[in-house]
Protein backbone atom coordinates (compact mmCIF):
# COMPACT_ATOMS: atom_id res chain seq x y z
CA MET A 1 0.00 0.00 0.00
CA ASN A 2 1.26 3.45 -0.84
CA GLU A 3 1.89 5.17 2.47
CA HIS A 4 0.29 8.38 1.19
CA GLU A 5 -3.04 6.75 0.38
CA THR A 6 -6.03 7.98 2.32
CA ALA A 7 -7.85 4.67 1.88
CA HIS A 8 -7.02 1.38 3.54
CA ASP A 9 -7.34 -0.44 0.26
CA ARG A 10 -5.74 -3.70 1.24
CA ASP A 11 -8.75 -4.55 3.43
CA ALA A 12 -10.92 -4.61 0.33
CA ALA A 13 -8.59 -7.09 -1.35
CA HIS A 14 -8.18 -9.12 1.82
CA ASP A 15 -11.85 -9.64 2.67
CA ARG A 16 -12.19 -12.71 0.45
CA ASP A 17 -9.05 -14.42 1.69
CA GLY A 18 -9.03 -17.29 4.15
CA ALA A 19 -8.13 -17.26 7.81
CA GLN A 20 -4.61 -16.08 8.52
CA VAL A 21 -2.55 -15.96 11.69
CA SER A 22 0.16 -13.32 11.88
CA THR A 23 2.23 -13.43 15.03
CA GLY A 24 5.70 -13.87 16.33
CA THR A 25 4.48 -15.94 19.31
CA THR A 26 3.61 -19.62 19.41
CA VAL A 27 0.65 -20.75 21.50
CA GLU A 28 1.42 -23.76 23.64
CA PRO A 29 -1.96 -25.26 24.49
CA GLY A 30 -0.56 -27.98 26.74
CA GLY A 31 0.89 -25.82 29.49
CA ALA A 32 0.61 -27.40 32.90
CA ALA A 33 0.09 -24.19 34.82
CA GLU A 34 -2.86 -21.90 34.17
CA ALA A 35 -1.91 -18.28 33.48
CA ALA A 36 -4.08 -15.22 33.75
CA ILE A 37 -6.84 -14.84 31.18
CA PRO A 38 -5.39 -12.87 28.27
CA GLU A 39 -6.54 -9.41 27.34
CA LEU A 40 -8.84 -9.58 24.31
CA VAL A 41 -9.58 -7.06 21.59
CA ILE A 42 -12.03 -7.78 18.77
CA ILE A 43 -11.50 -5.73 15.61
CA SER A 44 -14.47 -5.48 13.29
CA GLY A 45 -16.22 -2.95 11.12
CA MET A 46 -16.88 -2.16 7.50
CA SER A 47 -14.97 -4.00 4.79
CA GLY A 48 -12.37 -1.60 3.41
CA ALA A 49 -12.39 0.63 6.49
CA GLY A 50 -8.95 -0.38 7.75
CA ARG A 51 -9.33 -3.55 9.83
CA SER A 52 -6.08 -5.05 8.52
CA THR A 53 -4.16 -1.86 9.23
CA ALA A 54 -5.50 -1.75 12.78
CA ALA A 55 -4.60 -5.42 13.28
CA LYS A 56 -1.07 -4.86 11.98
CA CYS A 57 -0.63 -2.02 14.43
CA LEU A 58 -1.56 -4.26 17.36
CA GLU A 59 0.76 -6.98 16.06
CA ASP A 60 3.62 -4.47 16.04
CA LEU A 61 2.74 -3.62 19.64
CA GLY A 62 3.23 -7.26 20.62
CA TRP A 63 -0.31 -8.63 20.42
CA PHE A 64 -1.08 -12.14 19.17
CA VAL A 65 -3.21 -11.36 16.12
CA VAL A 66 -5.61 -13.78 14.42
CA ASP A 67 -7.23 -12.60 11.19
CA ASN A 68 -10.62 -13.88 9.97
CA LEU A 69 -11.11 -16.25 12.89
CA PRO A 70 -14.63 -17.77 12.94
CA PRO A 71 -16.44 -16.16 15.89
CA ALA A 72 -17.29 -19.54 17.43
CA LEU A 73 -13.57 -20.13 17.99
CA ILE A 74 -12.90 -16.92 19.92
CA PRO A 75 -13.56 -18.49 23.36
CA THR A 76 -11.23 -21.36 22.38
CA MET A 77 -8.47 -18.89 21.50
CA VAL A 78 -8.87 -17.18 24.87
CA GLU A 79 -8.68 -20.57 26.62
CA LEU A 80 -5.51 -21.49 24.75
CA GLY A 81 -4.00 -18.14 25.68
CA ALA A 82 -4.81 -18.76 29.35
CA ARG A 83 -3.00 -22.12 29.16
CA SER A 84 0.11 -20.68 27.50
CA GLN A 85 1.84 -19.89 30.80
CA GLY A 86 1.93 -16.19 30.03
CA ASN A 87 3.29 -16.52 26.49
CA VAL A 88 0.06 -15.12 25.02
CA ALA A 89 -1.08 -12.30 27.29
CA ARG A 90 -2.87 -10.17 24.69
CA ILE A 91 -5.01 -11.47 21.83
CA ALA A 92 -6.53 -9.45 19.00
CA VAL A 93 -9.09 -11.12 16.75
CA VAL A 94 -10.24 -9.67 13.42
CA VAL A 95 -13.76 -10.69 12.43
CA ASP A 96 -15.95 -9.71 9.54
CA VAL A 97 -19.69 -10.20 9.17
CA ARG A 98 -20.88 -11.71 5.91
CA GLY A 99 -24.31 -12.92 6.92
CA ARG A 100 -26.84 -13.10 9.74
CA GLN A 101 -25.65 -16.55 10.83
CA PHE A 102 -22.06 -15.30 11.13
CA PHE A 103 -23.23 -12.35 13.21
CA ASP A 104 -25.29 -14.58 15.51
CA ALA A 105 -22.21 -16.75 16.13
CA LEU A 106 -20.26 -13.65 17.15
CA ARG A 107 -22.96 -12.55 19.57
CA GLU A 108 -23.01 -16.04 21.07
CA SER A 109 -19.24 -15.98 21.58
CA LEU A 110 -19.34 -12.56 23.19
CA SER A 111 -22.03 -13.78 25.56
CA ASP A 112 -19.91 -16.83 26.40
CA LEU A 113 -16.89 -14.64 27.15
CA GLU A 114 -18.96 -12.36 29.37
CA SER A 115 -20.25 -15.32 31.36
CA ARG A 116 -16.64 -16.38 31.98
CA GLY A 117 -15.67 -12.94 33.20
CA VAL A 118 -13.37 -12.27 30.25
CA THR A 119 -12.66 -8.59 29.69
CA ARG A 120 -12.90 -7.72 26.02
CA ARG A 121 -12.88 -4.55 23.97
CA ILE A 122 -14.47 -4.10 20.56
CA VAL A 123 -12.82 -1.78 18.06
CA PHE A 124 -15.13 -0.84 15.20
CA LEU A 125 -13.73 0.65 11.97
CA GLU A 126 -16.18 2.54 9.79
CA SER A 127 -16.04 4.86 6.82
CA SER A 128 -18.38 6.81 4.57
CA ASP A 129 -20.03 5.12 1.59
CA ASP A 130 -18.13 7.35 -0.83
CA ALA A 131 -14.77 6.44 0.68
CA LEU A 132 -15.57 2.71 0.71
CA VAL A 133 -16.75 2.71 -2.91
CA ARG A 134 -13.57 4.51 -3.93
CA ARG A 135 -11.40 1.97 -2.10
CA PHE A 136 -13.13 -1.06 -3.62
CA GLU A 137 -12.97 0.41 -7.07
CA SER A 138 -9.26 1.18 -6.69
CA VAL A 139 -8.46 -2.50 -6.01
CA ARG A 140 -11.03 -3.72 -8.55
CA ARG A 141 -12.60 -6.19 -6.15
CA PRO A 142 -16.29 -6.70 -5.37
CA HIS A 143 -17.67 -6.08 -1.93
CA PRO A 144 -18.06 -9.45 -0.12
CA LEU A 145 -21.81 -8.88 0.34
CA GLN A 146 -22.78 -7.28 -2.97
CA GLY A 147 -23.66 -10.53 -4.75
CA ASP A 148 -25.05 -9.68 -8.19
CA GLY A 149 -25.68 -6.08 -7.17
CA ARG A 150 -23.49 -3.01 -6.96
CA ILE A 151 -20.78 -2.14 -4.45
CA VAL A 152 -23.16 0.26 -2.71
CA ASP A 153 -25.64 -2.60 -2.24
CA GLY A 154 -23.00 -4.67 -0.44
CA ILE A 155 -22.01 -1.70 1.72
CA ALA A 156 -25.63 -1.08 2.68
CA ALA A 157 -26.18 -4.75 3.57
CA GLU A 158 -23.03 -4.87 5.69
CA ARG A 159 -23.81 -1.62 7.46
CA ASP A 160 -27.25 -2.96 8.38
CA LEU A 161 -25.80 -6.22 9.71
CA LEU A 162 -23.17 -4.39 11.78
CA ARG A 163 -25.48 -1.78 13.28
CA GLU A 164 -25.92 -3.60 16.59
CA LEU A 165 -22.22 -4.48 16.89
CA ARG A 166 -21.29 -0.86 16.28
CA GLY A 167 -23.55 0.13 19.14
CA ASP A 168 -21.70 -2.28 21.44
CA ALA A 169 -18.24 -1.11 20.37
CA ASP A 170 -15.88 0.38 22.94
CA LEU A 171 -13.96 2.34 20.31
CA VAL A 172 -15.33 3.56 16.96
CA ILE A 173 -12.86 5.01 14.45
CA ASP A 174 -14.06 6.73 11.29
CA THR A 175 -11.33 6.28 8.67
CA SER A 176 -13.05 8.22 5.86
CA SER A 177 -10.35 10.88 5.78
CA LEU A 178 -7.53 9.09 7.58
CA ASN A 179 -4.35 7.84 5.94
CA VAL A 180 -2.47 4.79 7.18
CA HIS A 181 -0.23 6.76 9.54
CA GLU A 182 -3.15 8.61 11.12
CA LEU A 183 -5.03 5.37 11.77
CA ARG A 184 -1.92 3.78 13.31
CA ALA A 185 -1.47 6.86 15.50
CA LYS A 186 -5.03 6.48 16.81
CA MET A 187 -4.45 2.79 17.57
CA ASP A 188 -1.13 3.58 19.26
CA ALA A 189 -2.83 6.21 21.40
CA GLN A 190 -5.35 3.63 22.60
CA PHE A 191 -3.14 0.57 23.04
CA ALA A 192 0.52 1.56 23.30
CA GLY A 193 0.10 3.07 26.75
CA ASP A 194 2.96 5.27 27.91
CA GLU A 195 5.59 3.17 26.15
CA GLU A 196 7.22 4.57 23.03
CA PRO A 197 6.56 2.35 19.98
CA GLU A 198 9.37 -0.14 19.54
CA LEU A 199 11.61 0.08 16.48
CA ARG A 200 13.42 -2.98 15.13
CA ALA A 201 16.43 -2.60 12.86
CA THR A 202 18.30 -4.97 10.57
CA VAL A 203 21.84 -3.86 9.76
CA MET A 204 23.02 -5.67 6.64
CA SER A 205 26.53 -5.55 5.18
CA PHE A 206 26.77 -6.15 1.44
CA GLY A 207 29.10 -5.88 -1.53
CA TYR A 208 28.27 -3.41 -4.28
CA LYS A 209 29.62 -5.80 -6.89
CA TYR A 210 26.84 -8.24 -5.94
CA GLY A 211 24.07 -5.61 -6.16
CA LEU A 212 22.09 -3.50 -3.72
CA PRO A 213 19.80 -5.32 -1.23
CA VAL A 214 16.27 -5.00 -2.58
CA ASP A 215 14.77 -4.56 0.89
CA ALA A 216 17.05 -1.73 2.03
CA ASP A 217 15.39 1.35 3.54
CA LEU A 218 18.69 3.19 3.98
CA VAL A 219 22.02 2.59 2.20
CA VAL A 220 25.43 3.47 3.68
CA ASP A 221 28.51 3.57 1.41
CA CYS A 222 31.82 2.72 3.10
CA ARG A 223 33.94 2.76 -0.03
CA PHE A 224 35.53 6.06 1.01
CA ILE A 225 37.57 4.08 3.59
CA PRO A 226 40.82 2.47 2.35
CA ASN A 227 40.24 -1.19 1.54
CA PRO A 228 41.90 -3.82 3.82
CA HIS A 229 41.81 -6.13 0.81
CA TRP A 230 45.00 -4.43 -0.37
CA VAL A 231 46.81 -5.20 2.89
CA PRO A 232 48.20 -8.73 2.36
CA GLU A 233 48.13 -9.77 6.01
CA LEU A 234 44.47 -8.63 6.37
CA ARG A 235 43.10 -9.88 3.06
CA PRO A 236 42.21 -13.44 4.23
CA PHE A 237 40.15 -12.17 7.18
CA THR A 238 36.78 -10.41 7.44
CA GLY A 239 35.55 -7.33 9.22
CA LEU A 240 34.75 -9.49 12.23
CA ASN A 241 38.48 -9.83 12.86
CA PRO A 242 39.71 -7.31 15.47
CA GLU A 243 42.76 -6.41 13.39
CA VAL A 244 40.65 -5.70 10.33
CA SER A 245 38.16 -3.67 12.38
CA GLY A 246 41.01 -1.77 14.01
CA TYR A 247 42.48 -0.99 10.60
CA VAL A 248 39.13 0.25 9.27
CA PHE A 249 38.46 2.59 12.18
CA SER A 250 42.02 3.90 12.23
CA GLN A 251 41.46 5.41 8.79
CA PRO A 252 40.66 9.14 8.44
CA GLY A 253 36.96 9.86 8.75
CA ALA A 254 35.84 6.35 9.76
CA LYS A 255 35.09 7.06 13.42
CA GLU A 256 33.63 10.47 12.59
CA PHE A 257 31.36 8.87 10.01
CA LEU A 258 30.14 6.31 12.56
CA ASP A 259 29.41 9.06 15.10
CA ARG A 260 27.61 11.34 12.66
CA TYR A 261 25.58 8.59 11.05
CA THR A 262 24.51 7.30 14.46
CA GLU A 263 23.21 10.77 15.28
CA LEU A 264 21.37 10.87 11.96
CA LEU A 265 19.77 7.49 12.66
CA GLN A 266 18.53 8.74 16.02
CA LEU A 267 16.72 11.55 14.21
CA ILE A 268 15.35 9.17 11.57
CA ALA A 269 14.24 6.64 14.21
CA THR A 270 12.18 9.31 15.97
CA GLY A 271 10.42 10.10 12.71
CA TYR A 272 9.86 6.44 11.90
CA ARG A 273 8.18 5.88 15.25
CA ARG A 274 6.01 8.95 14.77
CA GLU A 275 4.93 7.75 11.32
CA GLY A 276 4.17 4.24 12.54
CA LYS A 277 7.13 2.49 10.89
CA ARG A 278 8.34 -0.34 13.11
CA TYR A 279 10.97 -2.06 10.96
CA VAL A 280 13.97 -0.60 9.14
CA THR A 281 16.74 -2.25 7.12
CA ILE A 282 20.04 -0.37 6.96
CA ALA A 283 22.33 -1.67 4.22
CA VAL A 284 26.03 -0.94 4.70
CA GLY A 285 28.09 -1.50 1.57
CA CYS A 286 31.69 -1.74 0.40
CA THR A 287 33.13 -3.25 -2.76
CA GLY A 288 33.04 -6.94 -1.84
CA GLY A 289 31.04 -6.95 1.40
CA LYS A 290 33.83 -8.64 3.35
CA HIS A 291 35.89 -6.06 5.25
CA ARG A 292 34.79 -2.44 5.60
CA SER A 293 31.03 -2.94 5.47
CA VAL A 294 31.20 -5.82 7.95
CA ALA A 295 33.25 -3.84 10.46
CA MET A 296 31.02 -0.77 10.10
CA SER A 297 27.83 -2.85 10.41
CA GLU A 298 28.99 -4.40 13.67
CA LYS A 299 29.82 -1.03 15.21
CA LEU A 300 26.64 0.61 13.94
CA ALA A 301 24.46 -2.22 15.26
CA ALA A 302 26.14 -1.96 18.66
CA ARG A 303 25.42 1.77 18.75
CA LEU A 304 21.76 1.23 17.86
CA ALA A 305 21.40 -1.49 20.50
CA SER A 306 22.85 0.85 23.12
CA GLU A 307 20.09 3.33 22.17
CA GLY A 308 17.39 0.74 22.88
CA VAL A 309 16.73 -0.31 19.28
CA GLU A 310 16.24 -4.06 18.84
CA THR A 311 18.90 -4.84 16.24
CA VAL A 312 19.86 -7.83 14.10
CA VAL A 313 23.08 -7.96 12.06
CA VAL A 314 23.24 -9.82 8.73
CA HIS A 315 26.38 -10.15 6.59
CA ARG A 316 24.97 -10.94 3.17
CA ASP A 317 28.14 -11.31 1.11
CA MET A 318 30.84 -11.96 3.70
CA GLY A 319 31.34 -15.60 2.65
CA ARG A 320 31.60 -14.93 -1.07
CA GLU A 321 34.89 -14.99 -2.94
């Protein structure tokens, strides 16, 4: 999705897909000890109004997110979370309503959760008819409820089915004029608490002669530093070797570059968090990806980690000849 779009178009394309689970946590249903009942958020609302964007925001905040889960299985998910020994403390479930029977199953599950004393919040995403029509037309997909009719017919049918659920919602967000960043900011304000959104960085060394990494957000060029390749006693080693690293950072401008670029990344990281970006890949390049870029990547990653950024280092071309 283009980050400047004002419509959450990917929901329209996603509404006909099957159930998906997107999480970095594994549920262990066989835990011996019972943990506290997990916190539960149910995300629903109009198709094309931004449900997937809202779910992705919660996932980035550490929630276990289940997309398109049948409503009858929501109590089961909560039970599994309670048996996970604290591994699944917060669950977000995305549900859509495609018919009266589906809606009745959701109401039944909510009643079941209430009888068990489970605290749940309902987030309802809505948008104007004009905005929804524009979003569906932009992705050239039919509305899931339009049948043989027009997009507006499907929107009207869905809005009628969701009327009662909207009335029960704890948080209603109108996304008619919101872009992706503004919706994420609203979700962060509700669910991030006082904690600053976490930023995760991948620092990747690479060799220019093998091509730029296609997933790089930022590219750093270390070819201004003299190449250890031309020092016979250093040539067989990599930038992980202390002697190679010492040689690199003894060269004019190397330490200054590291200091200045670290300061720049601090500024960029603040903007990324503000704009809702949670992941960044920093590609650090030299000619072959073996000496200078490796040494610089290690130092840069250490600096980022010291600033509280969760950092992973990858040396893409270090093993190549």
